Amino acid sequence: MTKAAAIYEFWAGFGLPAFEENSVPSGVDEPAFPYITYQLITDSFGGGVGMTASLWYRDSSWVNANAKADEISEAIGYGGNVILCDGGSIWIKRGQPFAQRMGDASDQMIKRIIINIEAEYFSRD
């Protein structure tokens, strides 16, 4: 599995549609809430990068968005989570701050939580 596919599988593993932030469908194909958007930044052996993902909900309450952020935090764990990719692995750790609530000026029902992670790459290329 390529690095890009491994990162996609990580984010898609939380029961919501996941889209790389530069590839979110629009128009009639625009995703329904809730969904995840994420950055894709790759590196090679020993390289560590910060990345973000956003949880997008349209709800009157933060309860569901907060619960999903907690689920992601638990999946990463205190020591991080290692996922496999071609030629090695990626060590995903919680970033600082881990989660930050954001609103949307165009729609007060939109609840967005930005998730910060650190990804350390242990791969040949």
PDB file of N, CA and C in Angstrom:
ATOM      1  N   MET A   1       0.841  -1.165   0.000  1.00  0.00           N
ATOM      2  CA  MET A   1       0.000   0.000   0.000  1.00  0.00           C
ATOM      3  C   MET A   1       0.895   1.239   0.000  1.00  0.00           C
ATOM      4  N   THR A   2       0.624   2.181  -0.870  1.00  0.00           N
ATOM      5  CA  THR A   2       1.418   3.409  -0.926  1.00  0.00           C
ATOM      6  C   THR A   2       1.209   4.230   0.345  1.00  0.00           C
ATOM      7  N   LYS A   3       2.067   5.222   0.561  1.00  0.00           N
ATOM      8  CA  LYS A   3       1.907   6.113   1.704  1.00  0.00           C
ATOM      9  C   LYS A   3       0.566   6.832   1.635  1.00  0.00           C
ATOM     10  N   ALA A   4       0.218   7.317   0.440  1.00  0.00           N
ATOM     11  CA  ALA A   4      -1.057   8.025   0.273  1.00  0.00           C
ATOM     12  C   ALA A   4      -2.232   7.111   0.600  1.00  0.00           C
ATOM     13  N   ALA A   5      -2.172   5.863   0.147  1.00  0.00           N
ATOM     14  CA  ALA A   5      -3.252   4.917   0.425  1.00  0.00           C
ATOM     15  C   ALA A   5      -3.318   4.584   1.914  1.00  0.00           C
ATOM     16  N   ALA A   6      -2.175   4.468   2.569  1.00  0.00           N
ATOM     17  CA  ALA A   6      -2.150   4.168   4.004  1.00  0.00           C
ATOM     18  C   ALA A   6      -2.765   5.307   4.815  1.00  0.00           C
ATOM     19  N   ILE A   7      -2.428   6.537   4.458  1.00  0.00           N
ATOM     20  CA  ILE A   7      -3.018   7.688   5.159  1.00  0.00           C
ATOM     21  C   ILE A   7      -4.524   7.745   4.909  1.00  0.00           C
ATOM     22  N   TYR A   8      -4.948   7.504   3.662  1.00  0.00           N
ATOM     23  CA  TYR A   8      -6.385   7.473   3.370  1.00  0.00           C
ATOM     24  C   TYR A   8      -7.082   6.399   4.209  1.00  0.00           C
ATOM     25  N   GLU A   9      -6.515   5.189   4.245  1.00  0.00           N
ATOM     26  CA  GLU A   9      -7.123   4.097   5.007  1.00  0.00           C
ATOM     27  C   GLU A   9      -7.234   4.441   6.491  1.00  0.00           C
ATOM     28  N   PHE A  10      -6.224   5.140   7.019  1.00  0.00           N
ATOM     29  CA  PHE A  10      -6.290   5.555   8.418  1.00  0.00           C
ATOM     30  C   PHE A  10      -7.519   6.424   8.644  1.00  0.00           C
ATOM     31  N   TRP A  11      -7.668   7.495   7.851  1.00  0.00           N
ATOM     32  CA  TRP A  11      -8.788   8.420   8.049  1.00  0.00           C
ATOM     33  C   TRP A  11     -10.127   7.790   7.688  1.00  0.00           C
ATOM     34  N   ALA A  12     -10.164   6.929   6.688  1.00  0.00           N
ATOM     35  CA  ALA A  12     -11.417   6.281   6.294  1.00  0.00           C
ATOM     36  C   ALA A  12     -11.849   5.217   7.301  1.00  0.00           C
ATOM     37  N   GLY A  13     -10.988   4.862   8.221  1.00  0.00           N
ATOM     38  CA  GLY A  13     -11.288   3.834   9.203  1.00  0.00           C
ATOM     39  C   GLY A  13     -12.164   4.284  10.350  1.00  0.00           C
ATOM     40  N   PHE A  14     -12.661   5.501  10.307  1.00  0.00           N
ATOM     41  CA  PHE A  14     -13.479   6.006  11.410  1.00  0.00           C
ATOM     42  C   PHE A  14     -14.964   6.088  11.063  1.00  0.00           C
ATOM     43  N   GLY A  15     -15.368   5.366  10.018  1.00  0.00           N
ATOM     44  CA  GLY A  15     -16.784   5.262   9.704  1.00  0.00           C
ATOM     45  C   GLY A  15     -17.398   6.450   8.997  1.00  0.00           C
ATOM     46  N   LEU A  16     -16.573   7.377   8.540  1.00  0.00           N
ATOM     47  CA  LEU A  16     -17.056   8.540   7.786  1.00  0.00           C
ATOM     48  C   LEU A  16     -16.352   8.587   6.443  1.00  0.00           C
ATOM     49  N   PRO A  17     -16.993   9.132   5.417  1.00  0.00           N
ATOM     50  CA  PRO A  17     -16.268   9.342   4.163  1.00  0.00           C
ATOM     51  C   PRO A  17     -15.066  10.250   4.429  1.00  0.00           C
ATOM     52  N   ALA A  18     -13.936   9.932   3.801  1.00  0.00           N
ATOM     53  CA  ALA A  18     -12.710  10.706   3.994  1.00  0.00           C
ATOM     54  C   ALA A  18     -12.200  11.169   2.633  1.00  0.00           C
ATOM     55  N   PHE A  19     -11.769  12.434   2.586  1.00  0.00           N
ATOM     56  CA  PHE A  19     -11.299  13.029   1.339  1.00  0.00           C
ATOM     57  C   PHE A  19     -10.024  13.803   1.604  1.00  0.00           C
ATOM     58  N   GLU A  20      -9.023  13.618   0.740  1.00  0.00           N
ATOM     59  CA  GLU A  20      -7.847  14.474   0.801  1.00  0.00           C
ATOM     60  C   GLU A  20      -8.349  15.896   0.542  1.00  0.00           C
ATOM     61  N   GLU A  21      -7.853  16.864   1.298  1.00  0.00           N
ATOM     62  CA  GLU A  21      -8.453  18.198   1.297  1.00  0.00           C
ATOM     63  C   GLU A  21      -8.463  18.888  -0.065  1.00  0.00           C
ATOM     64  N   ASN A  22      -7.616  18.471  -0.990  1.00  0.00           N
ATOM     65  CA  ASN A  22      -7.599  19.062  -2.324  1.00  0.00           C
ATOM     66  C   ASN A  22      -8.437  18.267  -3.321  1.00  0.00           C
ATOM     67  N   SER A  23      -9.140  17.259  -2.835  1.00  0.00           N
ATOM     68  CA  SER A  23      -9.911  16.379  -3.717  1.00  0.00           C
ATOM     69  C   SER A  23     -11.336  16.155  -3.226  1.00  0.00           C
ATOM     70  N   VAL A  24     -11.894  17.128  -2.532  1.00  0.00           N
ATOM     71  CA  VAL A  24     -13.264  17.002  -2.043  1.00  0.00           C
ATOM     72  C   VAL A  24     -14.219  17.280  -3.206  1.00  0.00           C
ATOM     73  N   PRO A  25     -15.107  16.342  -3.501  1.00  0.00           N
ATOM     74  CA  PRO A  25     -16.049  16.579  -4.603  1.00  0.00           C
ATOM     75  C   PRO A  25     -16.907  17.819  -4.347  1.00  0.00           C
ATOM     76  N   SER A  26     -17.336  18.453  -5.425  1.00  0.00           N
ATOM     77  CA  SER A  26     -18.190  19.639  -5.293  1.00  0.00           C
ATOM     78  C   SER A  26     -19.407  19.482  -6.196  1.00  0.00           C
ATOM     79  N   GLY A  27     -20.283  20.454  -6.141  1.00  0.00           N
ATOM     80  CA  GLY A  27     -21.488  20.424  -6.961  1.00  0.00           C
ATOM     81  C   GLY A  27     -22.403  19.284  -6.556  1.00  0.00           C
ATOM     82  N   VAL A  28     -22.934  18.575  -7.545  1.00  0.00           N
ATOM     83  CA  VAL A  28     -23.878  17.488  -7.249  1.00  0.00           C
ATOM     84  C   VAL A  28     -23.202  16.324  -6.535  1.00  0.00           C
ATOM     85  N   ASP A  29     -21.873  16.235  -6.614  1.00  0.00           N
ATOM     86  CA  ASP A  29     -21.129  15.160  -5.945  1.00  0.00           C
ATOM     87  C   ASP A  29     -20.627  15.553  -4.562  1.00  0.00           C
ATOM     88  N   GLU A  30     -20.969  16.758  -4.108  1.00  0.00           N
ATOM     89  CA  GLU A  30     -20.513  17.234  -2.804  1.00  0.00           C
ATOM     90  C   GLU A  30     -20.943  16.254  -1.713  1.00  0.00           C
ATOM     91  N   PRO A  31     -20.041  15.908  -0.801  1.00  0.00           N
ATOM     92  CA  PRO A  31     -20.398  14.920   0.221  1.00  0.00           C
ATOM     93  C   PRO A  31     -21.420  15.460   1.210  1.00  0.00           C
ATOM     94  N   ALA A  32     -22.235  14.560   1.722  1.00  0.00           N
ATOM     95  CA  ALA A  32     -23.182  14.906   2.784  1.00  0.00           C
ATOM     96  C   ALA A  32     -22.433  14.884   4.113  1.00  0.00           C
ATOM     97  N   PHE A  33     -22.900  15.682   5.051  1.00  0.00           N
ATOM     98  CA  PHE A  33     -22.321  15.670   6.396  1.00  0.00           C
ATOM     99  C   PHE A  33     -22.738  14.371   7.084  1.00  0.00           C
ATOM    100  N   PRO A  34     -21.922  13.831   7.978  1.00  0.00           N
ATOM    101  CA  PRO A  34     -20.566  14.218   8.345  1.00  0.00           C
ATOM    102  C   PRO A  34     -19.532  13.571   7.422  1.00  0.00           C
ATOM    103  N   TYR A  35     -18.348  14.170   7.388  1.00  0.00           N
ATOM    104  CA  TYR A  35     -17.229  13.618   6.636  1.00  0.00           C
ATOM    105  C   TYR A  35     -15.929  14.164   7.192  1.00  0.00           C
ATOM    106  N   ILE A  36     -14.814  13.608   6.700  1.00  0.00           N
ATOM    107  CA  ILE A  36     -13.477  14.007   7.134  1.00  0.00           C
ATOM    108  C   ILE A  36     -12.710  14.511   5.920  1.00  0.00           C
ATOM    109  N   THR A  37     -11.985  15.614   6.087  1.00  0.00           N
ATOM    110  CA  THR A  37     -10.987  16.031   5.107  1.00  0.00           C
ATOM    111  C   THR A  37      -9.629  15.977   5.799  1.00  0.00           C
ATOM    112  N   TYR A  38      -8.581  15.666   5.026  1.00  0.00           N
ATOM    113  CA  TYR A  38      -7.258  15.532   5.636  1.00  0.00           C
ATOM    114  C   TYR A  38      -6.180  16.018   4.678  1.00  0.00           C
ATOM    115  N   GLN A  39      -5.064  16.451   5.257  1.00  0.00           N
ATOM    116  CA  GLN A  39      -3.880  16.803   4.475  1.00  0.00           C
ATOM    117  C   GLN A  39      -3.101  15.537   4.174  1.00  0.00           C
ATOM    118  N   LEU A  40      -2.421  15.543   3.041  1.00  0.00           N
ATOM    119  CA  LEU A  40      -1.511  14.454   2.709  1.00  0.00           C
ATOM    120  C   LEU A  40      -0.136  15.056   2.464  1.00  0.00           C
ATOM    121  N   ILE A  41       0.764  14.797   3.400  1.00  0.00           N
ATOM    122  CA  ILE A  41       2.154  15.228   3.300  1.00  0.00           C
ATOM    123  C   ILE A  41       2.991  13.985   3.563  1.00  0.00           C
ATOM    124  N   THR A  42       3.911  13.664   2.654  1.00  0.00           N
ATOM    125  CA  THR A  42       4.721  12.467   2.835  1.00  0.00           C
ATOM    126  C   THR A  42       6.194  12.833   2.969  1.00  0.00           C
ATOM    127  N   ASP A  43       6.964  11.888   3.484  1.00  0.00           N
ATOM    128  CA  ASP A  43       8.401  12.049   3.650  1.00  0.00           C
ATOM    129  C   ASP A  43       9.016  10.661   3.562  1.00  0.00           C
ATOM    130  N   SER A  44      10.314  10.560   3.860  1.00  0.00           N
ATOM    131  CA  SER A  44      10.981   9.263   3.808  1.00  0.00           C
ATOM    132  C   SER A  44      11.550   8.935   5.182  1.00  0.00           C
ATOM    133  N   PHE A  45      12.505   8.021   5.244  1.00  0.00           N
ATOM    134  CA  PHE A  45      12.969   7.468   6.502  1.00  0.00           C
ATOM    135  C   PHE A  45      13.343   8.533   7.530  1.00  0.00           C
ATOM    136  N   GLY A  46      12.703   8.441   8.677  1.00  0.00           N
ATOM    137  CA  GLY A  46      12.998   9.341   9.787  1.00  0.00           C
ATOM    138  C   GLY A  46      12.393  10.714   9.665  1.00  0.00           C
ATOM    139  N   GLY A  47      11.724  10.999   8.559  1.00  0.00           N
ATOM    140  CA  GLY A  47      11.126  12.318   8.384  1.00  0.00           C
ATOM    141  C   GLY A  47       9.805  12.412   9.120  1.00  0.00           C
ATOM    142  N   GLY A  48       9.626  13.492   9.839  1.00  0.00           N
ATOM    143  CA  GLY A  48       8.385  13.728  10.564  1.00  0.00           C
ATOM    144  C   GLY A  48       7.723  15.001  10.083  1.00  0.00           C
ATOM    145  N   VAL A  49       6.411  14.943   9.911  1.00  0.00           N
ATOM    146  CA  VAL A  49       5.667  16.105   9.434  1.00  0.00           C
ATOM    147  C   VAL A  49       4.395  16.293  10.261  1.00  0.00           C
ATOM    148  N   GLY A  50       3.967  17.526  10.369  1.00  0.00           N
ATOM    149  CA  GLY A  50       2.688  17.823  10.988  1.00  0.00           C
ATOM    150  C   GLY A  50       1.611  17.851   9.914  1.00  0.00           C
ATOM    151  N   MET A  51       0.471  17.292  10.217  1.00  0.00           N
ATOM    152  CA  MET A  51      -0.663  17.294   9.296  1.00  0.00           C
ATOM    153  C   MET A  51      -1.940  17.584  10.074  1.00  0.00           C
ATOM    154  N   THR A  52      -2.952  18.042   9.352  1.00  0.00           N
ATOM    155  CA  THR A  52      -4.248  18.272   9.969  1.00  0.00           C
ATOM    156  C   THR A  52      -5.321  17.496   9.231  1.00  0.00           C
ATOM    157  N   ALA A  53      -6.393  17.252   9.942  1.00  0.00           N
ATOM    158  CA  ALA A  53      -7.619  16.711   9.368  1.00  0.00           C
ATOM    159  C   ALA A  53      -8.754  17.525   9.972  1.00  0.00           C
ATOM    160  N   SER A  54      -9.870  17.564   9.288  1.00  0.00           N
ATOM    161  CA  SER A  54     -11.043  18.272   9.810  1.00  0.00           C
ATOM    162  C   SER A  54     -12.233  17.333   9.820  1.00  0.00           C
ATOM    163  N   LEU A  55     -12.935  17.337  10.942  1.00  0.00           N
ATOM    164  CA  LEU A  55     -14.211  16.651  11.051  1.00  0.00           C
ATOM    165  C   LEU A  55     -15.287  17.667  10.706  1.00  0.00           C
ATOM    166  N   TRP A  56     -16.173  17.327   9.801  1.00  0.00           N
ATOM    167  CA  TRP A  56     -17.230  18.228   9.350  1.00  0.00           C
ATOM    168  C   TRP A  56     -18.587  17.619   9.695  1.00  0.00           C
ATOM    169  N   TYR A  57     -19.318  18.302  10.548  1.00  0.00           N
ATOM    170  CA  TYR A  57     -20.666  17.884  10.935  1.00  0.00           C
ATOM    171  C   TYR A  57     -21.610  19.056  10.710  1.00  0.00           C
ATOM    172  N   ARG A  58     -22.860  18.754  10.432  1.00  0.00           N
ATOM    173  CA  ARG A  58     -23.907  19.790  10.408  1.00  0.00           C
ATOM    174  C   ARG A  58     -24.942  19.331  11.413  1.00  0.00           C
ATOM    175  N   ASP A  59     -24.947  20.016  12.563  1.00  0.00           N
ATOM    176  CA  ASP A  59     -25.732  19.575  13.702  1.00  0.00           C
ATOM    177  C   ASP A  59     -25.963  20.769  14.619  1.00  0.00           C
ATOM    178  N   SER A  60     -26.960  20.685  15.449  1.00  0.00           N
ATOM    179  CA  SER A  60     -27.205  21.762  16.407  1.00  0.00           C
ATOM    180  C   SER A  60     -26.326  21.636  17.643  1.00  0.00           C
ATOM    181  N   SER A  61     -25.658  20.505  17.797  1.00  0.00           N
ATOM    182  CA  SER A  61     -24.850  20.222  18.972  1.00  0.00           C
ATOM    183  C   SER A  61     -23.451  19.765  18.551  1.00  0.00           C
ATOM    184  N   TRP A  62     -22.497  19.899  19.473  1.00  0.00           N
ATOM    185  CA  TRP A  62     -21.131  19.424  19.259  1.00  0.00           C
ATOM    186  C   TRP A  62     -20.950  17.969  19.692  1.00  0.00           C
ATOM    187  N   VAL A  63     -21.988  17.343  20.225  1.00  0.00           N
ATOM    188  CA  VAL A  63     -21.854  16.017  20.828  1.00  0.00           C
ATOM    189  C   VAL A  63     -21.252  14.998  19.865  1.00  0.00           C
ATOM    190  N   ASN A  64     -21.789  14.868  18.661  1.00  0.00           N
ATOM    191  CA  ASN A  64     -21.301  13.858  17.714  1.00  0.00           C
ATOM    192  C   ASN A  64     -19.895  14.164  17.221  1.00  0.00           C
ATOM    193  N   ALA A  65     -19.611  15.415  16.933  1.00  0.00           N
ATOM    194  CA  ALA A  65     -18.273  15.799  16.480  1.00  0.00           C
ATOM    195  C   ALA A  65     -17.247  15.544  17.584  1.00  0.00           C
ATOM    196  N   ASN A  66     -17.584  15.913  18.819  1.00  0.00           N
ATOM    197  CA  ASN A  66     -16.673  15.665  19.939  1.00  0.00           C
ATOM    198  C   ASN A  66     -16.429  14.173  20.144  1.00  0.00           C
ATOM    199  N   ALA A  67     -17.482  13.369  20.004  1.00  0.00           N
ATOM    200  CA  ALA A  67     -17.344  11.924  20.182  1.00  0.00           C
ATOM    201  C   ALA A  67     -16.413  11.340  19.122  1.00  0.00           C
ATOM    202  N   LYS A  68     -16.510  11.820  17.881  1.00  0.00           N
ATOM    203  CA  LYS A  68     -15.632  11.320  16.816  1.00  0.00           C
ATOM    204  C   LYS A  68     -14.181  11.745  17.072  1.00  0.00           C
ATOM    205  N   ALA A  69     -13.975  12.979  17.537  1.00  0.00           N
ATOM    206  CA  ALA A  69     -12.616  13.430  17.875  1.00  0.00           C
ATOM    207  C   ALA A  69     -12.034  12.561  18.989  1.00  0.00           C
ATOM    208  N   ASP A  70     -12.855  12.216  19.979  1.00  0.00           N
ATOM    209  CA  ASP A  70     -12.401  11.339  21.061  1.00  0.00           C
ATOM    210  C   ASP A  70     -12.057   9.950  20.534  1.00  0.00           C
ATOM    211  N   GLU A  71     -12.863   9.440  19.603  1.00  0.00           N
ATOM    212  CA  GLU A  71     -12.597   8.129  18.996  1.00  0.00           C
ATOM    213  C   GLU A  71     -11.247   8.128  18.275  1.00  0.00           C
ATOM    214  N   ILE A  72     -10.970   9.197  17.536  1.00  0.00           N
ATOM    215  CA  ILE A  72      -9.700   9.306  16.821  1.00  0.00           C
ATOM    216  C   ILE A  72      -8.544   9.390  17.812  1.00  0.00           C
ATOM    217  N   SER A  73      -8.711  10.181  18.861  1.00  0.00           N
ATOM    218  CA  SER A  73      -7.679  10.306  19.883  1.00  0.00           C
ATOM    219  C   SER A  73      -7.367   8.950  20.509  1.00  0.00           C
ATOM    220  N   GLU A  74      -8.409   8.190  20.829  1.00  0.00           N
ATOM    221  CA  GLU A  74      -8.198   6.871  21.425  1.00  0.00           C
ATOM    222  C   GLU A  74      -7.525   5.917  20.447  1.00  0.00           C
ATOM    223  N   ALA A  75      -7.871   6.007  19.163  1.00  0.00           N
ATOM    224  CA  ALA A  75      -7.262   5.131  18.159  1.00  0.00           C
ATOM    225  C   ALA A  75      -5.771   5.414  18.009  1.00  0.00           C
ATOM    226  N   ILE A  76      -5.393   6.675  18.134  1.00  0.00           N
ATOM    227  CA  ILE A  76      -3.977   7.025  18.054  1.00  0.00           C
ATOM    228  C   ILE A  76      -3.264   6.609  19.337  1.00  0.00           C
ATOM    229  N   GLY A  77      -3.901   6.822  20.460  1.00  0.00           N
ATOM    230  CA  GLY A  77      -3.351   6.423  21.747  1.00  0.00           C
ATOM    231  C   GLY A  77      -2.231   7.330  22.220  1.00  0.00           C
ATOM    232  N   TYR A  78      -1.786   7.085  23.442  1.00  0.00           N
ATOM    233  CA  TYR A  78      -0.731   7.912  24.025  1.00  0.00           C
ATOM    234  C   TYR A  78       0.606   7.722  23.328  1.00  0.00           C
ATOM    235  N   GLY A  79       0.881   6.513  22.881  1.00  0.00           N
ATOM    236  CA  GLY A  79       2.164   6.228  22.243  1.00  0.00           C
ATOM    237  C   GLY A  79       2.134   6.290  20.729  1.00  0.00           C
ATOM    238  N   GLY A  80       0.992   6.620  20.178  1.00  0.00           N
ATOM    239  CA  GLY A  80       0.867   6.686  18.737  1.00  0.00           C
ATOM    240  C   GLY A  80       0.349   5.387  18.149  1.00  0.00           C
ATOM    241  N   ASN A  81       0.183   5.385  16.843  1.00  0.00           N
ATOM    242  CA  ASN A  81      -0.349   4.240  16.112  1.00  0.00           C
ATOM    243  C   ASN A  81       0.505   4.059  14.863  1.00  0.00           C
ATOM    244  N   VAL A  82       1.041   2.879  14.668  1.00  0.00           N
ATOM    245  CA  VAL A  82       1.881   2.596  13.507  1.00  0.00           C
ATOM    246  C   VAL A  82       1.024   1.941  12.430  1.00  0.00           C
ATOM    247  N   ILE A  83       1.065   2.526  11.229  1.00  0.00           N
ATOM    248  CA  ILE A  83       0.368   1.929  10.090  1.00  0.00           C
ATOM    249  C   ILE A  83       1.404   1.532   9.045  1.00  0.00           C
ATOM    250  N   LEU A  84       1.132   0.463   8.335  1.00  0.00           N
ATOM    251  CA  LEU A  84       2.080  -0.056   7.354  1.00  0.00           C
ATOM    252  C   LEU A  84       1.873   0.583   5.989  1.00  0.00           C
ATOM    253  N   CYS A  85       2.970   0.716   5.257  1.00  0.00           N
ATOM    254  CA  CYS A  85       2.928   1.208   3.885  1.00  0.00           C
ATOM    255  C   CYS A  85       4.027   0.503   3.103  1.00  0.00           C
ATOM    256  N   ASP A  86       4.031   0.663   1.779  1.00  0.00           N
ATOM    257  CA  ASP A  86       5.079   0.064   0.956  1.00  0.00           C
ATOM    258  C   ASP A  86       6.443   0.504   1.472  1.00  0.00           C
ATOM    259  N   GLY A  87       7.302  -0.439   1.733  1.00  0.00           N
ATOM    260  CA  GLY A  87       8.662  -0.130   2.121  1.00  0.00           C
ATOM    261  C   GLY A  87       8.840   0.305   3.550  1.00  0.00           C
ATOM    262  N   GLY A  88       7.811   0.167   4.407  1.00  0.00           N
ATOM    263  CA  GLY A  88       7.992   0.561   5.794  1.00  0.00           C
ATOM    264  C   GLY A  88       6.702   0.841   6.536  1.00  0.00           C
ATOM    265  N   SER A  89       6.741   1.921   7.312  1.00  0.00           N
ATOM    266  CA  SER A  89       5.588   2.246   8.151  1.00  0.00           C
ATOM    267  C   SER A  89       5.526   3.748   8.407  1.00  0.00           C
ATOM    268  N   ILE A  90       4.390   4.151   8.968  1.00  0.00           N
ATOM    269  CA  ILE A  90       4.155   5.548   9.348  1.00  0.00           C
ATOM    270  C   ILE A  90       3.686   5.527  10.794  1.00  0.00           C
ATOM    271  N   TRP A  91       4.367   6.288  11.643  1.00  0.00           N
ATOM    272  CA  TRP A  91       4.022   6.377  13.055  1.00  0.00           C
ATOM    273  C   TRP A  91       3.198   7.643  13.238  1.00  0.00           C
ATOM    274  N   ILE A  92       1.909   7.481  13.509  1.00  0.00           N
ATOM    275  CA  ILE A  92       0.999   8.612  13.686  1.00  0.00           C
ATOM    276  C   ILE A  92       0.856   8.895  15.174  1.00  0.00           C
ATOM    277  N   LYS A  93       1.091  10.145  15.548  1.00  0.00           N
ATOM    278  CA  LYS A  93       1.004  10.570  16.943  1.00  0.00           C
ATOM    279  C   LYS A  93       0.091  11.794  17.046  1.00  0.00           C
ATOM    280  N   ARG A  94      -0.423  12.029  18.218  1.00  0.00           N
ATOM    281  CA  ARG A  94      -1.248  13.213  18.445  1.00  0.00           C
ATOM    282  C   ARG A  94      -0.376  14.463  18.357  1.00  0.00           C
ATOM    283  N   GLY A  95      -0.886  15.476  17.661  1.00  0.00           N
ATOM    284  CA  GLY A  95      -0.211  16.758  17.600  1.00  0.00           C
ATOM    285  C   GLY A  95      -0.681  17.659  18.734  1.00  0.00           C
ATOM    286  N   GLN A  96      -0.107  18.833  18.781  1.00  0.00           N
ATOM    287  CA  GLN A  96      -0.453  19.817  19.824  1.00  0.00           C
ATOM    288  C   GLN A  96      -0.928  21.115  19.196  1.00  0.00           C
ATOM    289  N   PRO A  97      -2.065  21.643  19.520  1.00  0.00           N
ATOM    290  CA  PRO A  97      -3.106  20.970  20.293  1.00  0.00           C
ATOM    291  C   PRO A  97      -3.720  19.861  19.447  1.00  0.00           C
ATOM    292  N   PHE A  98      -4.309  18.888  20.077  1.00  0.00           N
ATOM    293  CA  PHE A  98      -4.850  17.771  19.310  1.00  0.00           C
ATOM    294  C   PHE A  98      -6.113  18.172  18.545  1.00  0.00           C
ATOM    295  N   ALA A  99      -7.054  18.801  19.221  1.00  0.00           N
ATOM    296  CA  ALA A  99      -8.334  19.119  18.586  1.00  0.00           C
ATOM    297  C   ALA A  99      -8.748  20.555  18.907  1.00  0.00           C
ATOM    298  N   GLN A 100      -9.274  21.212  17.895  1.00  0.00           N
ATOM    299  CA  GLN A 100      -9.708  22.602  18.058  1.00  0.00           C
ATOM    300  C   GLN A 100     -11.038  22.794  17.336  1.00  0.00           C
ATOM    301  N   ARG A 101     -12.014  23.301  18.054  1.00  0.00           N
ATOM    302  CA  ARG A 101     -13.321  23.579  17.463  1.00  0.00           C
ATOM    303  C   ARG A 101     -13.267  24.821  16.589  1.00  0.00           C
ATOM    304  N   MET A 102     -13.992  24.745  15.477  1.00  0.00           N
ATOM    305  CA  MET A 102     -14.119  25.885  14.570  1.00  0.00           C
ATOM    306  C   MET A 102     -15.578  25.977  14.143  1.00  0.00           C
ATOM    307  N   GLY A 103     -16.034  27.174  13.936  1.00  0.00           N
ATOM    308  CA  GLY A 103     -17.372  27.371  13.401  1.00  0.00           C
ATOM    309  C   GLY A 103     -17.299  27.660  11.914  1.00  0.00           C
ATOM    310  N   ASP A 104     -18.425  28.060  11.363  1.00  0.00           N
ATOM    311  CA  ASP A 104     -18.498  28.434   9.954  1.00  0.00           C
ATOM    312  C   ASP A 104     -19.417  29.640   9.860  1.00  0.00           C
ATOM    313  N   ALA A 105     -18.876  30.755   9.411  1.00  0.00           N
ATOM    314  CA  ALA A 105     -19.648  31.997   9.360  1.00  0.00           C
ATOM    315  C   ALA A 105     -20.853  31.896   8.425  1.00  0.00           C
ATOM    316  N   SER A 106     -20.787  31.009   7.444  1.00  0.00           N
ATOM    317  CA  SER A 106     -21.889  30.898   6.476  1.00  0.00           C
ATOM    318  C   SER A 106     -23.050  30.050   6.986  1.00  0.00           C
ATOM    319  N   ASP A 107     -22.809  29.223   8.019  1.00  0.00           N
ATOM    320  CA  ASP A 107     -23.850  28.325   8.517  1.00  0.00           C
ATOM    321  C   ASP A 107     -23.529  27.949   9.961  1.00  0.00           C
ATOM    322  N   GLN A 108     -24.324  28.445  10.897  1.00  0.00           N
ATOM    323  CA  GLN A 108     -24.059  28.196  12.317  1.00  0.00           C
ATOM    324  C   GLN A 108     -24.270  26.736  12.718  1.00  0.00           C
ATOM    325  N   MET A 109     -24.881  25.958  11.859  1.00  0.00           N
ATOM    326  CA  MET A 109     -25.083  24.534  12.155  1.00  0.00           C
ATOM    327  C   MET A 109     -23.836  23.703  11.836  1.00  0.00           C
ATOM    328  N   ILE A 110     -22.920  24.253  11.061  1.00  0.00           N
ATOM    329  CA  ILE A 110     -21.712  23.500  10.710  1.00  0.00           C
ATOM    330  C   ILE A 110     -20.752  23.504  11.898  1.00  0.00           C
ATOM    331  N   LYS A 111     -20.374  22.310  12.300  1.00  0.00           N
ATOM    332  CA  LYS A 111     -19.426  22.103  13.384  1.00  0.00           C
ATOM    333  C   LYS A 111     -18.174  21.468  12.777  1.00  0.00           C
ATOM    334  N   ARG A 112     -17.048  22.128  12.965  1.00  0.00           N
ATOM    335  CA  ARG A 112     -15.779  21.635  12.427  1.00  0.00           C
ATOM    336  C   ARG A 112     -14.786  21.484  13.573  1.00  0.00           C
ATOM    337  N   ILE A 113     -14.122  20.356  13.616  1.00  0.00           N
ATOM    338  CA  ILE A 113     -13.039  20.153  14.577  1.00  0.00           C
ATOM    339  C   ILE A 113     -11.776  19.864  13.783  1.00  0.00           C
ATOM    340  N   ILE A 114     -10.749  20.675  14.005  1.00  0.00           N
ATOM    341  CA  ILE A 114      -9.458  20.467  13.359  1.00  0.00           C
ATOM    342  C   ILE A 114      -8.621  19.563  14.254  1.00  0.00           C
ATOM    343  N   ILE A 115      -8.117  18.483  13.679  1.00  0.00           N
ATOM    344  CA  ILE A 115      -7.292  17.499  14.381  1.00  0.00           C
ATOM    345  C   ILE A 115      -5.850  17.674  13.910  1.00  0.00           C
ATOM    346  N   ASN A 116      -4.923  17.804  14.843  1.00  0.00           N
ATOM    347  CA  ASN A 116      -3.493  17.898  14.525  1.00  0.00           C
ATOM    348  C   ASN A 116      -2.812  16.575  14.841  1.00  0.00           C
ATOM    349  N   ILE A 117      -2.041  16.079  13.859  1.00  0.00           N
ATOM    350  CA  ILE A 117      -1.252  14.872  14.085  1.00  0.00           C
ATOM    351  C   ILE A 117       0.183  15.118  13.644  1.00  0.00           C
ATOM    352  N   GLU A 118       1.061  14.286  14.141  1.00  0.00           N
ATOM    353  CA  GLU A 118       2.444  14.211  13.685  1.00  0.00           C
ATOM    354  C   GLU A 118       2.611  12.851  13.026  1.00  0.00           C
ATOM    355  N   ALA A 119       3.193  12.814  11.854  1.00  0.00           N
ATOM    356  CA  ALA A 119       3.428  11.544  11.163  1.00  0.00           C
ATOM    357  C   ALA A 119       4.917  11.400  10.927  1.00  0.00           C
ATOM    358  N   GLU A 120       5.492  10.338  11.460  1.00  0.00           N
ATOM    359  CA  GLU A 120       6.908  10.065  11.258  1.00  0.00           C
ATOM    360  C   GLU A 120       7.024   8.887  10.310  1.00  0.00           C
ATOM    361  N   TYR A 121       7.743   9.095   9.221  1.00  0.00           N
ATOM    362  CA  TYR A 121       7.843   8.093   8.168  1.00  0.00           C
ATOM    363  C   TYR A 121       9.092   7.243   8.341  1.00  0.00           C
ATOM    364  N   PHE A 122       8.900   5.936   8.270  1.00  0.00           N
ATOM    365  CA  PHE A 122       9.996   4.972   8.315  1.00  0.00           C
ATOM    366  C   PHE A 122       9.871   4.124   7.054  1.00  0.00           C
ATOM    367  N   SER A 123      10.275   4.701   5.937  1.00  0.00           N
ATOM    368  CA  SER A 123      10.133   4.009   4.657  1.00  0.00           C
ATOM    369  C   SER A 123      11.328   4.319   3.769  1.00  0.00           C
ATOM    370  N   ARG A 124      11.550   3.473   2.782  1.00  0.00           N
ATOM    371  CA  ARG A 124      12.705   3.591   1.900  1.00  0.00           C
ATOM    372  C   ARG A 124      12.651   4.834   1.027  1.00  0.00           C
ATOM    373  N   ASP A 125      11.496   5.192   0.533  1.00  0.00           N
ATOM    374  CA  ASP A 125      11.400   6.303  -0.413  1.00  0.00           C
ATOM    375  C   ASP A 125      10.380   7.327   0.001  1.00  0.00           C
TER     376      ASP A 125
END
